Amino acid sequence: MDAPRTLKKRADFLLARMAGQRWAATGLVLQMRKRHDDGPAQVGYTVSKKVGNAVERNRVRRRLRAAVREVMQLQPGRDYVIIGRRAALARSWQALIHDLRTAAHRVERR
C-alpha cells in the first residue's frame, strides 16, 4: 500500500465533510469520503482554535498523526479527515488509540 498523502486544500476537507460518513469519539471526529479512483489514501488533520493555543493544537495534531500511523488501515481511494478535540490532550494513549480504532471501524462499516 502506498503512503498516505496529506489533504491540504479546504475544498478536499469540505468534500469529506459532505460525504456523510463520520464518527465522533471522545477525543476526535473521523470523516471519510470514497473517491472514484484507486490512488493512495489521503489524510487531513484539523484542530480548532477552541482547543487552545498553538502549542496545544499542535500537540493534539501530533498525537493524532502518531495514532493514525499506529492504528489505521488506510484504504486506497479514500480521504480521511480527523478533527481533534480538546479531550485528546487529556486522554491516555491507549484510550486515544481505542477511540481511533473504533471510529475507523464504524466509518468503514457504513
PDB file of N, CA and C in Angstrom:
ATOM      1  N   MET A   1       0.837  -1.172   0.000  1.00  0.00           N
ATOM      2  CA  MET A   1       0.000   0.000   0.000  1.00  0.00           C
ATOM      3  C   MET A   1       0.888   1.244   0.000  1.00  0.00           C
ATOM      4  N   ASP A   2       0.506   2.230  -0.784  1.00  0.00           N
ATOM      5  CA  ASP A   2       1.256   3.478  -0.848  1.00  0.00           C
ATOM      6  C   ASP A   2       1.094   4.267   0.445  1.00  0.00           C
ATOM      7  N   ALA A   3       2.058   5.138   0.717  1.00  0.00           N
ATOM      8  CA  ALA A   3       1.974   6.003   1.885  1.00  0.00           C
ATOM      9  C   ALA A   3       0.857   7.023   1.671  1.00  0.00           C
ATOM     10  N   PRO A   4       0.144   7.380   2.738  1.00  0.00           N
ATOM     11  CA  PRO A   4      -0.951   8.337   2.570  1.00  0.00           C
ATOM     12  C   PRO A   4      -0.425   9.728   2.275  1.00  0.00           C
ATOM     13  N   ARG A   5      -1.146  10.433   1.439  1.00  0.00           N
ATOM     14  CA  ARG A   5      -0.826  11.829   1.189  1.00  0.00           C
ATOM     15  C   ARG A   5      -1.597  12.682   2.188  1.00  0.00           C
ATOM     16  N   THR A   6      -1.217  13.935   2.306  1.00  0.00           N
ATOM     17  CA  THR A   6      -1.866  14.845   3.237  1.00  0.00           C
ATOM     18  C   THR A   6      -2.842  15.740   2.494  1.00  0.00           C
ATOM     19  N   LEU A   7      -4.047  15.837   3.020  1.00  0.00           N
ATOM     20  CA  LEU A   7      -5.015  16.782   2.477  1.00  0.00           C
ATOM     21  C   LEU A   7      -4.603  18.180   2.899  1.00  0.00           C
ATOM     22  N   LYS A   8      -4.611  19.104   1.970  1.00  0.00           N
ATOM     23  CA  LYS A   8      -4.200  20.463   2.292  1.00  0.00           C
ATOM     24  C   LYS A   8      -5.211  21.508   1.854  1.00  0.00           C
ATOM     25  N   LYS A   9      -6.012  21.193   0.856  1.00  0.00           N
ATOM     26  CA  LYS A   9      -6.943  22.184   0.321  1.00  0.00           C
ATOM     27  C   LYS A   9      -8.279  22.131   1.056  1.00  0.00           C
ATOM     28  N   ARG A  10      -8.814  23.309   1.329  1.00  0.00           N
ATOM     29  CA  ARG A  10     -10.087  23.402   2.045  1.00  0.00           C
ATOM     30  C   ARG A  10     -11.196  22.663   1.310  1.00  0.00           C
ATOM     31  N   ALA A  11     -11.175  22.701  -0.004  1.00  0.00           N
ATOM     32  CA  ALA A  11     -12.212  22.018  -0.791  1.00  0.00           C
ATOM     33  C   ALA A  11     -12.221  20.523  -0.514  1.00  0.00           C
ATOM     34  N   ASP A  12     -11.042  19.926  -0.335  1.00  0.00           N
ATOM     35  CA  ASP A  12     -10.973  18.497  -0.029  1.00  0.00           C
ATOM     36  C   ASP A  12     -11.557  18.189   1.345  1.00  0.00           C
ATOM     37  N   PHE A  13     -11.296  19.071   2.315  1.00  0.00           N
ATOM     38  CA  PHE A  13     -11.866  18.897   3.649  1.00  0.00           C
ATOM     39  C   PHE A  13     -13.389  18.997   3.584  1.00  0.00           C
ATOM     40  N   LEU A  14     -13.887  19.948   2.813  1.00  0.00           N
ATOM     41  CA  LEU A  14     -15.334  20.124   2.697  1.00  0.00           C
ATOM     42  C   LEU A  14     -15.994  18.938   1.998  1.00  0.00           C
ATOM     43  N   LEU A  15     -15.336  18.383   0.991  1.00  0.00           N
ATOM     44  CA  LEU A  15     -15.887  17.210   0.314  1.00  0.00           C
ATOM     45  C   LEU A  15     -15.991  16.022   1.274  1.00  0.00           C
ATOM     46  N   ALA A  16     -14.999  15.849   2.111  1.00  0.00           N
ATOM     47  CA  ALA A  16     -15.042  14.765   3.094  1.00  0.00           C
ATOM     48  C   ALA A  16     -16.155  15.005   4.101  1.00  0.00           C
ATOM     49  N   ARG A  17     -16.364  16.254   4.448  1.00  0.00           N
ATOM     50  CA  ARG A  17     -17.431  16.582   5.400  1.00  0.00           C
ATOM     51  C   ARG A  17     -18.797  16.296   4.802  1.00  0.00           C
ATOM     52  N   MET A  18     -18.989  16.625   3.536  1.00  0.00           N
ATOM     53  CA  MET A  18     -20.285  16.445   2.892  1.00  0.00           C
ATOM     54  C   MET A  18     -20.561  14.991   2.524  1.00  0.00           C
ATOM     55  N   ALA A  19     -19.549  14.139   2.557  1.00  0.00           N
ATOM     56  CA  ALA A  19     -19.747  12.736   2.178  1.00  0.00           C
ATOM     57  C   ALA A  19     -20.684  12.021   3.147  1.00  0.00           C
ATOM     58  N   GLY A  20     -20.801  12.520   4.376  1.00  0.00           N
ATOM     59  CA  GLY A  20     -21.767  11.984   5.306  1.00  0.00           C
ATOM     60  C   GLY A  20     -21.305  10.812   6.144  1.00  0.00           C
ATOM     61  N   GLN A  21     -20.114  10.292   5.926  1.00  0.00           N
ATOM     62  CA  GLN A  21     -19.629   9.186   6.733  1.00  0.00           C
ATOM     63  C   GLN A  21     -18.705   9.737   7.807  1.00  0.00           C
ATOM     64  N   ARG A  22     -19.202   9.752   9.034  1.00  0.00           N
ATOM     65  CA  ARG A  22     -18.414  10.305  10.123  1.00  0.00           C
ATOM     66  C   ARG A  22     -18.742   9.570  11.402  1.00  0.00           C
ATOM     67  N   TRP A  23     -17.790   9.620  12.307  1.00  0.00           N
ATOM     68  CA  TRP A  23     -17.997   9.014  13.614  1.00  0.00           C
ATOM     69  C   TRP A  23     -17.272   9.855  14.640  1.00  0.00           C
ATOM     70  N   ALA A  24     -17.987  10.216  15.702  1.00  0.00           N
ATOM     71  CA  ALA A  24     -17.412  11.029  16.765  1.00  0.00           C
ATOM     72  C   ALA A  24     -17.042  10.139  17.945  1.00  0.00           C
ATOM     73  N   ALA A  25     -15.852  10.313  18.443  1.00  0.00           N
ATOM     74  CA  ALA A  25     -15.391   9.627  19.644  1.00  0.00           C
ATOM     75  C   ALA A  25     -15.020  10.712  20.660  1.00  0.00           C
ATOM     76  N   THR A  26     -14.536  10.318  21.799  1.00  0.00           N
ATOM     77  CA  THR A  26     -14.269  11.284  22.866  1.00  0.00           C
ATOM     78  C   THR A  26     -13.248  12.338  22.463  1.00  0.00           C
ATOM     79  N   GLY A  27     -12.130  11.942  21.868  1.00  0.00           N
ATOM     80  CA  GLY A  27     -11.072  12.897  21.570  1.00  0.00           C
ATOM     81  C   GLY A  27     -10.979  13.323  20.128  1.00  0.00           C
ATOM     82  N   LEU A  28     -11.861  12.784  19.268  1.00  0.00           N
ATOM     83  CA  LEU A  28     -11.723  13.089  17.848  1.00  0.00           C
ATOM     84  C   LEU A  28     -13.016  12.817  17.098  1.00  0.00           C
ATOM     85  N   VAL A  29     -13.061  13.338  15.888  1.00  0.00           N
ATOM     86  CA  VAL A  29     -14.125  13.035  14.934  1.00  0.00           C
ATOM     87  C   VAL A  29     -13.431  12.565  13.660  1.00  0.00           C
ATOM     88  N   LEU A  30     -13.883  11.442  13.118  1.00  0.00           N
ATOM     89  CA  LEU A  30     -13.307  10.898  11.892  1.00  0.00           C
ATOM     90  C   LEU A  30     -14.339  10.997  10.784  1.00  0.00           C
ATOM     91  N   GLN A  31     -13.943  11.596   9.674  1.00  0.00           N
ATOM     92  CA  GLN A  31     -14.794  11.689   8.489  1.00  0.00           C
ATOM     93  C   GLN A  31     -14.096  10.974   7.349  1.00  0.00           C
ATOM     94  N   MET A  32     -14.898  10.311   6.497  1.00  0.00           N
ATOM     95  CA  MET A  32     -14.305   9.554   5.401  1.00  0.00           C
ATOM     96  C   MET A  32     -15.121   9.769   4.137  1.00  0.00           C
ATOM     97  N   ARG A  33     -14.407   9.891   3.020  1.00  0.00           N
ATOM     98  CA  ARG A  33     -15.040  10.044   1.710  1.00  0.00           C
ATOM     99  C   ARG A  33     -14.404   9.056   0.756  1.00  0.00           C
ATOM    100  N   LYS A  34     -15.242   8.334   0.020  1.00  0.00           N
ATOM    101  CA  LYS A  34     -14.733   7.436  -1.018  1.00  0.00           C
ATOM    102  C   LYS A  34     -14.595   8.226  -2.303  1.00  0.00           C
ATOM    103  N   ARG A  35     -13.383   8.204  -2.871  1.00  0.00           N
ATOM    104  CA  ARG A  35     -13.146   8.860  -4.150  1.00  0.00           C
ATOM    105  C   ARG A  35     -13.421   7.871  -5.269  1.00  0.00           C
ATOM    106  N   HIS A  36     -13.393   8.336  -6.486  1.00  0.00           N
ATOM    107  CA  HIS A  36     -13.639   7.476  -7.647  1.00  0.00           C
ATOM    108  C   HIS A  36     -12.328   7.131  -8.350  1.00  0.00           C
ATOM    109  N   ASP A  37     -11.297   6.822  -7.555  1.00  0.00           N
ATOM    110  CA  ASP A  37     -10.020   6.403  -8.117  1.00  0.00           C
ATOM    111  C   ASP A  37      -9.362   5.434  -7.140  1.00  0.00           C
ATOM    112  N   ASP A  38      -8.251   4.873  -7.537  1.00  0.00           N
ATOM    113  CA  ASP A  38      -7.526   3.940  -6.683  1.00  0.00           C
ATOM    114  C   ASP A  38      -6.200   4.518  -6.219  1.00  0.00           C
ATOM    115  N   GLY A  39      -6.126   5.843  -6.149  1.00  0.00           N
ATOM    116  CA  GLY A  39      -4.906   6.495  -5.679  1.00  0.00           C
ATOM    117  C   GLY A  39      -4.692   6.240  -4.198  1.00  0.00           C
ATOM    118  N   PRO A  40      -3.545   6.646  -3.696  1.00  0.00           N
ATOM    119  CA  PRO A  40      -3.268   6.418  -2.275  1.00  0.00           C
ATOM    120  C   PRO A  40      -4.237   7.184  -1.388  1.00  0.00           C
ATOM    121  N   ALA A  41      -4.415   6.686  -0.192  1.00  0.00           N
ATOM    122  CA  ALA A  41      -5.279   7.347   0.778  1.00  0.00           C
ATOM    123  C   ALA A  41      -4.721   8.727   1.107  1.00  0.00           C
ATOM    124  N   GLN A  42      -5.618   9.637   1.417  1.00  0.00           N
ATOM    125  CA  GLN A  42      -5.223  10.986   1.820  1.00  0.00           C
ATOM    126  C   GLN A  42      -5.805  11.245   3.206  1.00  0.00           C
ATOM    127  N   VAL A  43      -4.994  11.853   4.067  1.00  0.00           N
ATOM    128  CA  VAL A  43      -5.415  12.122   5.435  1.00  0.00           C
ATOM    129  C   VAL A  43      -5.214  13.600   5.721  1.00  0.00           C
ATOM    130  N   GLY A  44      -6.230  14.215   6.313  1.00  0.00           N
ATOM    131  CA  GLY A  44      -6.143  15.610   6.714  1.00  0.00           C
ATOM    132  C   GLY A  44      -6.435  15.733   8.200  1.00  0.00           C
ATOM    133  N   TYR A  45      -5.752  16.646   8.856  1.00  0.00           N
ATOM    134  CA  TYR A  45      -5.927  16.859  10.285  1.00  0.00           C
ATOM    135  C   TYR A  45      -6.342  18.300  10.496  1.00  0.00           C
ATOM    136  N   THR A  46      -7.307  18.514  11.371  1.00  0.00           N
ATOM    137  CA  THR A  46      -7.706  19.864  11.696  1.00  0.00           C
ATOM    138  C   THR A  46      -8.030  19.943  13.183  1.00  0.00           C
ATOM    139  N   VAL A  47      -7.612  21.048  13.778  1.00  0.00           N
ATOM    140  CA  VAL A  47      -7.867  21.287  15.192  1.00  0.00           C
ATOM    141  C   VAL A  47      -8.271  22.750  15.325  1.00  0.00           C
ATOM    142  N   SER A  48      -9.426  22.983  15.896  1.00  0.00           N
ATOM    143  CA  SER A  48      -9.975  24.323  16.019  1.00  0.00           C
ATOM    144  C   SER A  48      -9.231  25.152  17.069  1.00  0.00           C
ATOM    145  N   LYS A  49      -9.323  26.450  16.944  1.00  0.00           N
ATOM    146  CA  LYS A  49      -8.723  27.336  17.937  1.00  0.00           C
ATOM    147  C   LYS A  49      -9.424  27.216  19.288  1.00  0.00           C
ATOM    148  N   LYS A  50     -10.612  26.646  19.316  1.00  0.00           N
ATOM    149  CA  LYS A  50     -11.318  26.418  20.580  1.00  0.00           C
ATOM    150  C   LYS A  50     -10.552  25.448  21.473  1.00  0.00           C
ATOM    151  N   VAL A  51      -9.713  24.622  20.861  1.00  0.00           N
ATOM    152  CA  VAL A  51      -8.955  23.623  21.620  1.00  0.00           C
ATOM    153  C   VAL A  51      -7.933  24.298  22.523  1.00  0.00           C
ATOM    154  N   GLY A  52      -7.339  25.366  22.070  1.00  0.00           N
ATOM    155  CA  GLY A  52      -6.353  26.057  22.883  1.00  0.00           C
ATOM    156  C   GLY A  52      -5.400  26.852  22.017  1.00  0.00           C
ATOM    157  N   ASN A  53      -4.266  27.190  22.602  1.00  0.00           N
ATOM    158  CA  ASN A  53      -3.290  27.973  21.858  1.00  0.00           C
ATOM    159  C   ASN A  53      -2.554  27.076  20.860  1.00  0.00           C
ATOM    160  N   ALA A  54      -1.638  27.649  20.117  1.00  0.00           N
ATOM    161  CA  ALA A  54      -0.960  26.926  19.041  1.00  0.00           C
ATOM    162  C   ALA A  54      -0.199  25.703  19.563  1.00  0.00           C
ATOM    163  N   VAL A  55       0.397  25.823  20.732  1.00  0.00           N
ATOM    164  CA  VAL A  55       1.149  24.706  21.299  1.00  0.00           C
ATOM    165  C   VAL A  55       0.222  23.522  21.563  1.00  0.00           C
ATOM    166  N   GLU A  56      -0.937  23.795  22.156  1.00  0.00           N
ATOM    167  CA  GLU A  56      -1.893  22.719  22.452  1.00  0.00           C
ATOM    168  C   GLU A  56      -2.477  22.120  21.173  1.00  0.00           C
ATOM    169  N   ARG A  57      -2.788  22.965  20.201  1.00  0.00           N
ATOM    170  CA  ARG A  57      -3.335  22.458  18.936  1.00  0.00           C
ATOM    171  C   ARG A  57      -2.322  21.571  18.219  1.00  0.00           C
ATOM    172  N   ASN A  58      -1.061  21.997  18.205  1.00  0.00           N
ATOM    173  CA  ASN A  58      -0.029  21.185  17.569  1.00  0.00           C
ATOM    174  C   ASN A  58       0.204  19.878  18.313  1.00  0.00           C
ATOM    175  N   ARG A  59       0.080  19.898  19.630  1.00  0.00           N
ATOM    176  CA  ARG A  59       0.231  18.668  20.406  1.00  0.00           C
ATOM    177  C   ARG A  59      -0.874  17.681  20.061  1.00  0.00           C
ATOM    178  N   VAL A  60      -2.104  18.180  19.935  1.00  0.00           N
ATOM    179  CA  VAL A  60      -3.228  17.325  19.544  1.00  0.00           C
ATOM    180  C   VAL A  60      -2.971  16.751  18.151  1.00  0.00           C
ATOM    181  N   ARG A  61      -2.539  17.593  17.230  1.00  0.00           N
ATOM    182  CA  ARG A  61      -2.272  17.150  15.852  1.00  0.00           C
ATOM    183  C   ARG A  61      -1.180  16.078  15.817  1.00  0.00           C
ATOM    184  N   ARG A  62      -0.114  16.271  16.575  1.00  0.00           N
ATOM    185  CA  ARG A  62       0.962  15.279  16.621  1.00  0.00           C
ATOM    186  C   ARG A  62       0.490  13.956  17.196  1.00  0.00           C
ATOM    187  N   ARG A  63      -0.319  14.014  18.257  1.00  0.00           N
ATOM    188  CA  ARG A  63      -0.846  12.770  18.842  1.00  0.00           C
ATOM    189  C   ARG A  63      -1.736  12.038  17.843  1.00  0.00           C
ATOM    190  N   LEU A  64      -2.556  12.780  17.118  1.00  0.00           N
ATOM    191  CA  LEU A  64      -3.445  12.147  16.145  1.00  0.00           C
ATOM    192  C   LEU A  64      -2.661  11.531  14.993  1.00  0.00           C
ATOM    193  N   ARG A  65      -1.638  12.218  14.512  1.00  0.00           N
ATOM    194  CA  ARG A  65      -0.803  11.658  13.438  1.00  0.00           C
ATOM    195  C   ARG A  65      -0.146  10.360  13.877  1.00  0.00           C
ATOM    196  N   ALA A  66       0.393  10.363  15.093  1.00  0.00           N
ATOM    197  CA  ALA A  66       1.039   9.154  15.606  1.00  0.00           C
ATOM    198  C   ALA A  66       0.030   8.020  15.762  1.00  0.00           C
ATOM    199  N   ALA A  67      -1.165   8.342  16.217  1.00  0.00           N
ATOM    200  CA  ALA A  67      -2.203   7.321  16.384  1.00  0.00           C
ATOM    201  C   ALA A  67      -2.612   6.743  15.035  1.00  0.00           C
ATOM    202  N   VAL A  68      -2.727   7.583  14.018  1.00  0.00           N
ATOM    203  CA  VAL A  68      -3.099   7.101  12.688  1.00  0.00           C
ATOM    204  C   VAL A  68      -2.017   6.173  12.151  1.00  0.00           C
ATOM    205  N   ARG A  69      -0.751   6.544  12.320  1.00  0.00           N
ATOM    206  CA  ARG A  69       0.342   5.682  11.853  1.00  0.00           C
ATOM    207  C   ARG A  69       0.315   4.326  12.554  1.00  0.00           C
ATOM    208  N   GLU A  70      -0.047   4.321  13.831  1.00  0.00           N
ATOM    209  CA  GLU A  70      -0.021   3.083  14.600  1.00  0.00           C
ATOM    210  C   GLU A  70      -1.238   2.192  14.355  1.00  0.00           C
ATOM    211  N   VAL A  71      -2.398   2.789  14.125  1.00  0.00           N
ATOM    212  CA  VAL A  71      -3.642   2.021  14.159  1.00  0.00           C
ATOM    213  C   VAL A  71      -4.301   1.809  12.811  1.00  0.00           C
ATOM    214  N   MET A  72      -4.486   2.856  12.054  1.00  0.00           N
ATOM    215  CA  MET A  72      -5.419   2.795  10.932  1.00  0.00           C
ATOM    216  C   MET A  72      -4.894   2.005   9.744  1.00  0.00           C
ATOM    217  N   GLN A  73      -5.795   1.254   9.168  1.00  0.00           N
ATOM    218  CA  GLN A  73      -5.562   0.554   7.912  1.00  0.00           C
ATOM    219  C   GLN A  73      -6.178   1.433   6.834  1.00  0.00           C
ATOM    220  N   LEU A  74      -5.387   2.293   6.223  1.00  0.00           N
ATOM    221  CA  LEU A  74      -5.901   3.251   5.249  1.00  0.00           C
ATOM    222  C   LEU A  74      -6.163   2.563   3.920  1.00  0.00           C
ATOM    223  N   GLN A  75      -7.380   2.698   3.442  1.00  0.00           N
ATOM    224  CA  GLN A  75      -7.785   2.075   2.193  1.00  0.00           C
ATOM    225  C   GLN A  75      -7.476   3.013   1.037  1.00  0.00           C
ATOM    226  N   PRO A  76      -6.936   2.503  -0.074  1.00  0.00           N
ATOM    227  CA  PRO A  76      -6.698   3.367  -1.234  1.00  0.00           C
ATOM    228  C   PRO A  76      -8.010   3.915  -1.776  1.00  0.00           C
ATOM    229  N   GLY A  77      -7.939   5.109  -2.352  1.00  0.00           N
ATOM    230  CA  GLY A  77      -9.121   5.720  -2.944  1.00  0.00           C
ATOM    231  C   GLY A  77     -10.046   6.369  -1.935  1.00  0.00           C
ATOM    232  N   ARG A  78      -9.516   6.688  -0.760  1.00  0.00           N
ATOM    233  CA  ARG A  78     -10.348   7.304   0.271  1.00  0.00           C
ATOM    234  C   ARG A  78      -9.643   8.507   0.873  1.00  0.00           C
ATOM    235  N   ASP A  79     -10.452   9.484   1.279  1.00  0.00           N
ATOM    236  CA  ASP A  79      -9.952  10.648   2.010  1.00  0.00           C
ATOM    237  C   ASP A  79     -10.448  10.549   3.442  1.00  0.00           C
ATOM    238  N   TYR A  80      -9.558  10.761   4.372  1.00  0.00           N
ATOM    239  CA  TYR A  80      -9.908  10.751   5.782  1.00  0.00           C
ATOM    240  C   TYR A  80      -9.607  12.134   6.352  1.00  0.00           C
ATOM    241  N   VAL A  81     -10.541  12.662   7.137  1.00  0.00           N
ATOM    242  CA  VAL A  81     -10.317  13.913   7.854  1.00  0.00           C
ATOM    243  C   VAL A  81     -10.499  13.606   9.329  1.00  0.00           C
ATOM    244  N   ILE A  82      -9.508  13.985  10.122  1.00  0.00           N
ATOM    245  CA  ILE A  82      -9.560  13.755  11.557  1.00  0.00           C
ATOM    246  C   ILE A  82      -9.588  15.111  12.244  1.00  0.00           C
ATOM    247  N   ILE A  83     -10.653  15.330  12.987  1.00  0.00           N
ATOM    248  CA  ILE A  83     -10.836  16.587  13.713  1.00  0.00           C
ATOM    249  C   ILE A  83     -10.476  16.334  15.166  1.00  0.00           C
ATOM    250  N   GLY A  84      -9.472  17.032  15.647  1.00  0.00           N
ATOM    251  CA  GLY A  84      -9.028  16.865  17.029  1.00  0.00           C
ATOM    252  C   GLY A  84      -9.876  17.677  17.980  1.00  0.00           C
ATOM    253  N   ARG A  85     -10.177  17.094  19.111  1.00  0.00           N
ATOM    254  CA  ARG A  85     -10.932  17.757  20.172  1.00  0.00           C
ATOM    255  C   ARG A  85     -10.035  17.956  21.386  1.00  0.00           C
ATOM    256  N   ARG A  86     -10.438  18.855  22.266  1.00  0.00           N
ATOM    257  CA  ARG A  86      -9.642  19.163  23.453  1.00  0.00           C
ATOM    258  C   ARG A  86      -9.412  17.926  24.313  1.00  0.00           C
ATOM    259  N   ALA A  87     -10.372  17.031  24.340  1.00  0.00           N
ATOM    260  CA  ALA A  87     -10.249  15.819  25.162  1.00  0.00           C
ATOM    261  C   ALA A  87      -9.074  14.951  24.722  1.00  0.00           C
ATOM    262  N   ALA A  88      -8.591  15.134  23.496  1.00  0.00           N
ATOM    263  CA  ALA A  88      -7.458  14.332  23.010  1.00  0.00           C
ATOM    264  C   ALA A  88      -6.188  14.628  23.807  1.00  0.00           C
ATOM    265  N   LEU A  89      -6.091  15.803  24.407  1.00  0.00           N
ATOM    266  CA  LEU A  89      -4.917  16.127  25.226  1.00  0.00           C
ATOM    267  C   LEU A  89      -4.917  15.349  26.531  1.00  0.00           C
ATOM    268  N   ALA A  90      -6.088  15.186  27.129  1.00  0.00           N
ATOM    269  CA  ALA A  90      -6.179  14.550  28.441  1.00  0.00           C
ATOM    270  C   ALA A  90      -6.337  13.033  28.351  1.00  0.00           C
ATOM    271  N   ARG A  91      -6.727  12.512  27.197  1.00  0.00           N
ATOM    272  CA  ARG A  91      -6.928  11.067  27.055  1.00  0.00           C
ATOM    273  C   ARG A  91      -5.600  10.330  27.144  1.00  0.00           C
ATOM    274  N   SER A  92      -5.634   9.178  27.765  1.00  0.00           N
ATOM    275  CA  SER A  92      -4.426   8.350  27.787  1.00  0.00           C
ATOM    276  C   SER A  92      -4.175   7.863  26.359  1.00  0.00           C
ATOM    277  N   TRP A  93      -2.940   7.431  26.115  1.00  0.00           N
ATOM    278  CA  TRP A  93      -2.580   6.979  24.770  1.00  0.00           C
ATOM    279  C   TRP A  93      -3.445   5.787  24.365  1.00  0.00           C
ATOM    280  N   GLN A  94      -3.628   4.838  25.257  1.00  0.00           N
ATOM    281  CA  GLN A  94      -4.423   3.653  24.935  1.00  0.00           C
ATOM    282  C   GLN A  94      -5.876   4.012  24.661  1.00  0.00           C
ATOM    283  N   ALA A  95      -6.429   4.972  25.410  1.00  0.00           N
ATOM    284  CA  ALA A  95      -7.813   5.400  25.181  1.00  0.00           C
ATOM    285  C   ALA A  95      -7.940   6.103  23.830  1.00  0.00           C
ATOM    286  N   LEU A  96      -6.950   6.924  23.469  1.00  0.00           N
ATOM    287  CA  LEU A  96      -6.981   7.608  22.182  1.00  0.00           C
ATOM    288  C   LEU A  96      -6.883   6.599  21.037  1.00  0.00           C
ATOM    289  N   ILE A  97      -6.029   5.608  21.182  1.00  0.00           N
ATOM    290  CA  ILE A  97      -5.903   4.550  20.182  1.00  0.00           C
ATOM    291  C   ILE A  97      -7.231   3.809  20.041  1.00  0.00           C
ATOM    292  N   HIS A  98      -7.857   3.489  21.164  1.00  0.00           N
ATOM    293  CA  HIS A  98      -9.145   2.797  21.134  1.00  0.00           C
ATOM    294  C   HIS A  98     -10.198   3.650  20.437  1.00  0.00           C
ATOM    295  N   ASP A  99     -10.229   4.952  20.737  1.00  0.00           N
ATOM    296  CA  ASP A  99     -11.192   5.860  20.091  1.00  0.00           C
ATOM    297  C   ASP A  99     -11.006   5.853  18.577  1.00  0.00           C
ATOM    298  N   LEU A 100      -9.769   5.952  18.127  1.00  0.00           N
ATOM    299  CA  LEU A 100      -9.490   5.991  16.697  1.00  0.00           C
ATOM    300  C   LEU A 100      -9.819   4.658  16.031  1.00  0.00           C
ATOM    301  N   ARG A 101      -9.461   3.573  16.676  1.00  0.00           N
ATOM    302  CA  ARG A 101      -9.744   2.248  16.122  1.00  0.00           C
ATOM    303  C   ARG A 101     -11.263   2.039  15.987  1.00  0.00           C
ATOM    304  N   THR A 102     -12.009   2.435  17.005  1.00  0.00           N
ATOM    305  CA  THR A 102     -13.468   2.300  16.971  1.00  0.00           C
ATOM    306  C   THR A 102     -14.068   3.171  15.885  1.00  0.00           C
ATOM    307  N   ALA A 103     -13.617   4.415  15.801  1.00  0.00           N
ATOM    308  CA  ALA A 103     -14.145   5.327  14.784  1.00  0.00           C
ATOM    309  C   ALA A 103     -13.850   4.809  13.380  1.00  0.00           C
ATOM    310  N   ALA A 104     -12.630   4.317  13.157  1.00  0.00           N
ATOM    311  CA  ALA A 104     -12.266   3.808  11.833  1.00  0.00           C
ATOM    312  C   ALA A 104     -13.113   2.598  11.465  1.00  0.00           C
ATOM    313  N   HIS A 105     -13.341   1.722  12.422  1.00  0.00           N
ATOM    314  CA  HIS A 105     -14.153   0.528  12.169  1.00  0.00           C
ATOM    315  C   HIS A 105     -15.585   0.922  11.819  1.00  0.00           C
ATOM    316  N   ARG A 106     -16.147   1.853  12.567  1.00  0.00           N
ATOM    317  CA  ARG A 106     -17.537   2.275  12.331  1.00  0.00           C
ATOM    318  C   ARG A 106     -17.700   2.983  10.987  1.00  0.00           C
ATOM    319  N   VAL A 107     -16.747   3.828  10.656  1.00  0.00           N
ATOM    320  CA  VAL A 107     -16.841   4.563   9.384  1.00  0.00           C
ATOM    321  C   VAL A 107     -16.719   3.608   8.200  1.00  0.00           C
ATOM    322  N   GLU A 108     -15.834   2.636   8.291  1.00  0.00           N
ATOM    323  CA  GLU A 108     -15.644   1.691   7.202  1.00  0.00           C
ATOM    324  C   GLU A 108     -16.877   0.786   7.015  1.00  0.00           C
ATOM    325  N   ARG A 109     -17.577   0.501   8.101  1.00  0.00           N
ATOM    326  CA  ARG A 109     -18.751  -0.367   8.020  1.00  0.00           C
ATOM    327  C   ARG A 109     -19.929   0.295   7.337  1.00  0.00           C
ATOM    328  N   ARG A 110     -20.015   1.597   7.409  1.00  0.00           N
ATOM    329  CA  ARG A 110     -21.171   2.301   6.825  1.00  0.00           C
ATOM    330  C   ARG A 110     -21.140   2.263   5.330  1.00  0.00           C
TER     331      ARG A 110
END
